[in-house]
Structures are given as C-alpha cells and as structure tokens.
Protein backbone atom coordinates (compact mmCIF):
# COMPACT_ATOMS: atom_id res chain seq x y z
CA MET A 1 153.39 68.23 120.61
CA VAL A 2 151.81 71.63 121.80
CA HIS A 3 150.74 73.80 118.88
CA ARG A 4 150.98 77.46 119.87
CA ILE A 5 148.56 79.98 118.39
CA THR A 6 149.69 84.12 118.82
CA LEU A 7 146.28 86.12 119.97
CA GLY A 8 147.27 90.09 119.72
CA GLY A 9 150.71 89.32 121.05
CA PHE A 10 150.01 86.66 123.60
CA THR A 11 150.81 83.13 122.81
CA ASN A 12 147.89 80.91 123.48
CA PRO A 13 148.77 76.97 123.31
CA ALA A 14 144.68 75.94 123.97
CA ALA A 15 143.68 78.14 120.67
CA THR A 16 144.28 75.13 118.86
CA MET A 17 141.92 73.13 121.14
CA VAL A 18 139.53 75.53 121.33
CA ALA A 19 139.58 76.29 117.78
CA TRP A 20 139.19 72.18 116.81
CA LEU A 21 136.35 71.58 119.85
CA CYS A 22 134.30 74.29 117.99
CA THR A 23 135.12 72.06 114.55
CA VAL A 24 134.09 68.90 116.13
CA TRP A 25 130.96 70.32 117.66
CA ALA A 26 129.52 71.99 114.85
CA THR A 27 130.03 68.64 112.49
CA GLY A 28 130.20 65.41 113.73
CA ALA A 29 128.44 65.63 116.83
CA CYS A 30 125.21 67.76 115.59
CA THR A 31 123.27 65.92 113.01
CA GLY A 32 120.14 67.56 111.41
CA LEU A 33 121.87 70.76 111.99
CA THR A 34 122.58 73.48 109.57
CA ALA A 35 126.11 75.41 110.98
CA GLY A 36 127.46 78.71 110.22
CA PRO A 37 130.88 79.38 109.48
CA ASP A 38 133.38 79.58 112.37
CA SER A 39 133.91 83.16 113.37
CA SER A 40 137.06 84.49 115.33
CA ALA A 41 137.65 87.85 117.21
CA GLN A 42 140.21 89.41 119.79
CA THR A 43 139.04 91.77 122.00
CA PRO A 44 141.34 93.86 124.09
CA VAL A 45 140.53 94.48 127.81
CA PRO A 46 142.66 97.17 129.89
CA VAL A 47 142.68 94.76 133.28
CA SER A 48 144.55 91.91 134.56
CA ARG A 49 144.02 88.37 133.29
CA ASP A 50 142.28 87.12 136.28
CA SER A 51 139.74 90.24 136.41
CA ALA A 52 138.77 89.93 132.41
CA TYR A 53 138.30 85.81 133.28
CA THR A 54 135.58 86.54 135.95
CA ARG A 55 134.14 89.12 133.31
CA ALA A 56 133.93 86.85 130.46
CA ARG A 57 132.74 83.82 133.00
CA ARG A 58 129.86 86.37 134.03
CA ALA A 59 128.67 87.33 130.71
CA VAL A 60 128.42 84.31 129.23
CA THR A 61 126.92 82.76 132.28
CA ALA A 62 124.20 86.10 131.78
CA GLU A 63 123.52 84.99 128.26
CA ALA A 64 122.60 81.58 129.51
CA PHE A 65 125.57 79.12 128.26
CA THR A 66 126.16 75.99 129.49
CA LEU A 67 129.63 75.66 129.86
CA ASP A 68 131.49 72.74 129.35
CA VAL A 69 134.93 73.60 130.11
CA VAL A 70 135.89 76.22 132.97
CA ASP A 71 139.56 76.41 133.25
CA SER A 72 140.52 79.59 135.11
CA THR A 73 144.05 78.46 135.44
CA GLY A 74 144.13 78.06 131.28
CA GLY A 75 142.04 80.91 130.86
CA ARG A 76 139.10 79.02 128.82
CA LEU A 77 135.62 78.97 128.59
CA ILE A 78 133.98 76.61 126.38
CA GLY A 79 130.32 76.66 125.90
CA THR A 80 126.80 76.03 124.02
CA ARG A 81 123.89 78.29 124.43
CA PHE A 82 120.90 75.80 123.49
CA PRO A 83 117.43 76.72 121.84
CA SER A 84 114.64 77.28 124.37
CA SER A 85 112.25 74.75 124.59
CA SER A 86 109.63 77.01 123.30
CA ALA A 87 111.23 78.48 120.32
CA LYS A 88 109.82 78.82 117.05
CA LEU A 89 111.32 77.44 114.44
CA GLY A 90 112.90 80.27 111.96
CA SER A 91 113.60 82.88 115.30
CA ALA A 92 116.38 83.59 116.71
CA GLY A 93 115.55 81.29 119.63
CA ALA A 94 115.94 78.28 117.94
CA CYS A 95 119.40 78.63 117.17
CA ARG A 96 122.15 77.00 119.08
CA ILE A 97 125.36 79.35 119.67
CA MET A 98 128.96 77.55 120.18
CA LEU A 99 131.51 79.52 122.17
CA ALA A 100 135.36 79.52 123.36
CA LEU A 101 136.79 81.73 124.89
CA ALA A 102 140.31 81.83 125.41
CA ILE A 103 141.74 84.71 127.64
CA GLU A 104 145.37 85.52 128.12
CA GLY A 105 147.32 88.37 129.63
CA ASN A 106 148.96 89.65 132.75
CA ALA A 107 148.52 91.97 135.86
CA THR A 108 147.59 94.99 134.16
CA GLN A 109 146.25 94.31 130.30
CA SER A 110 144.50 90.96 128.83
CA GLU A 111 142.96 89.58 125.66
CA VAL A 112 140.08 87.68 125.03
CA GLY A 113 139.92 85.36 122.16
CA THR A 114 136.50 84.07 121.10
CA THR A 115 135.72 81.54 118.22
CA SER A 116 131.85 81.10 117.71
CA ARG A 117 129.40 79.60 115.57
CA TRP A 118 125.92 79.06 115.27
CA LEU A 119 123.77 76.05 114.18
CA ALA A 120 120.25 75.68 113.61
CA PRO A 121 117.75 72.75 112.46
CA ALA A 122 118.11 71.99 109.09
CA ALA A 123 114.44 72.82 108.76
CA MET A 124 115.38 76.40 108.91
CA SER A 125 118.45 76.09 106.73
CA ASP A 126 116.97 79.54 104.47
CA LYS A 127 116.63 81.36 107.60
CA ALA A 128 119.23 80.30 109.64
CA PRO A 129 121.99 82.17 108.06
CA GLN A 130 120.49 85.85 108.58
CA VAL A 131 118.60 85.14 111.66
CA CYS A 132 120.59 82.48 113.63
CA GLU A 133 124.27 85.00 112.42
CA GLN A 134 122.57 88.32 113.71
CA GLU A 135 121.96 86.27 116.86
CA ARG A 136 125.52 85.26 117.16
CA VAL A 137 126.86 88.61 116.41
CA GLN A 138 124.32 90.77 119.23
CA VAL A 139 125.52 87.72 122.11
CA LEU A 140 128.92 88.21 121.23
CA GLU A 141 128.36 92.35 121.26
CA ARG A 142 126.97 91.88 124.76
CA ILE A 143 129.43 89.95 126.24
CA ALA A 144 132.14 92.15 124.79
CA GLN A 145 130.60 95.10 126.32
CA THR A 146 130.65 93.25 129.65
CA VAL A 147 134.15 91.96 129.27
CA ALA A 148 135.52 95.24 127.93
CA PRO A 149 132.75 97.82 128.96
CA PRO A 150 133.06 101.61 127.22
CA PRO A 151 134.72 104.28 129.09
CA PRO A 152 132.97 106.30 131.50
CA GLN A 153 131.90 109.57 130.07
C-alpha cells in the first residue's frame, strides 16, 4: 500500500518515506546525539520539475551534504551534512543536519518539499537548540535561494 501526502497541490507518494527516514535517522541510528524537532516546508518554484531538481541538487551539494538517496526520476534527495572534524563543541560546525527533499511538478511549475532536523552531540545539549537550529535555518535559506532565486530587480 502506498500512502500519499499532498504538498501544495502535488501528490507525493515518496513524502511519507522521506519523513519516516528522517525520523529513523534522528532517533534509532544516532546514539549519543541530541535531536531537534522535524521541520517541514514547501517552496513553490516557477520552473520545470527537472530544473527544480537540478537546482536543488546543486544547492545541497554546495552545502556539503553527503547524499544517501539521489533519485531524479522520483524527485528525491536525502542527505546529511556531517560536522567538521575541526569543529569546536558548542559551535554551529559541530551540528549535523539531516535533509530530505521531494520535488514534484510539471513542465512549467514545481514545488520543493523539505523535511529537516538537526542533531548535536549530547555534550552540547544546552547550546544545541539555539546554535544548531540557527544553522539549520540558515542552510535551508541558502538552499531555497538557489532553488527559487528572487526575481531580478
């Protein structure tokens, strides 16, 4: 049985899988880490689905995500941005960000659905909600600007 989730008018059968994977990654597979809440958003993009997928992949790669799922046919990208090896505990560089993108659309318009979550070492659980959440938001803003840049002025 395939569950369908509608994202801004587009039916996306993969969205349930994406949300489930993010939850599994952030709970059972990450011992010793503190996890932030799942955050989801949809971004309308005034370009074809293929162009939106290409832009999304470029943006995620530029943000140094390791991609676990690259599915251009299904419009899915799932990846993790791991902490820097030289990051100081308590800094944004020590935060791990997990991201799943689901791209739907047609030849003229598309929508990019994101599900994301931050993870941090348990030792920085006092700072993580502020530091990692701010980093997650900034990363998603940069990705959104690449996927759907503001119109020229």
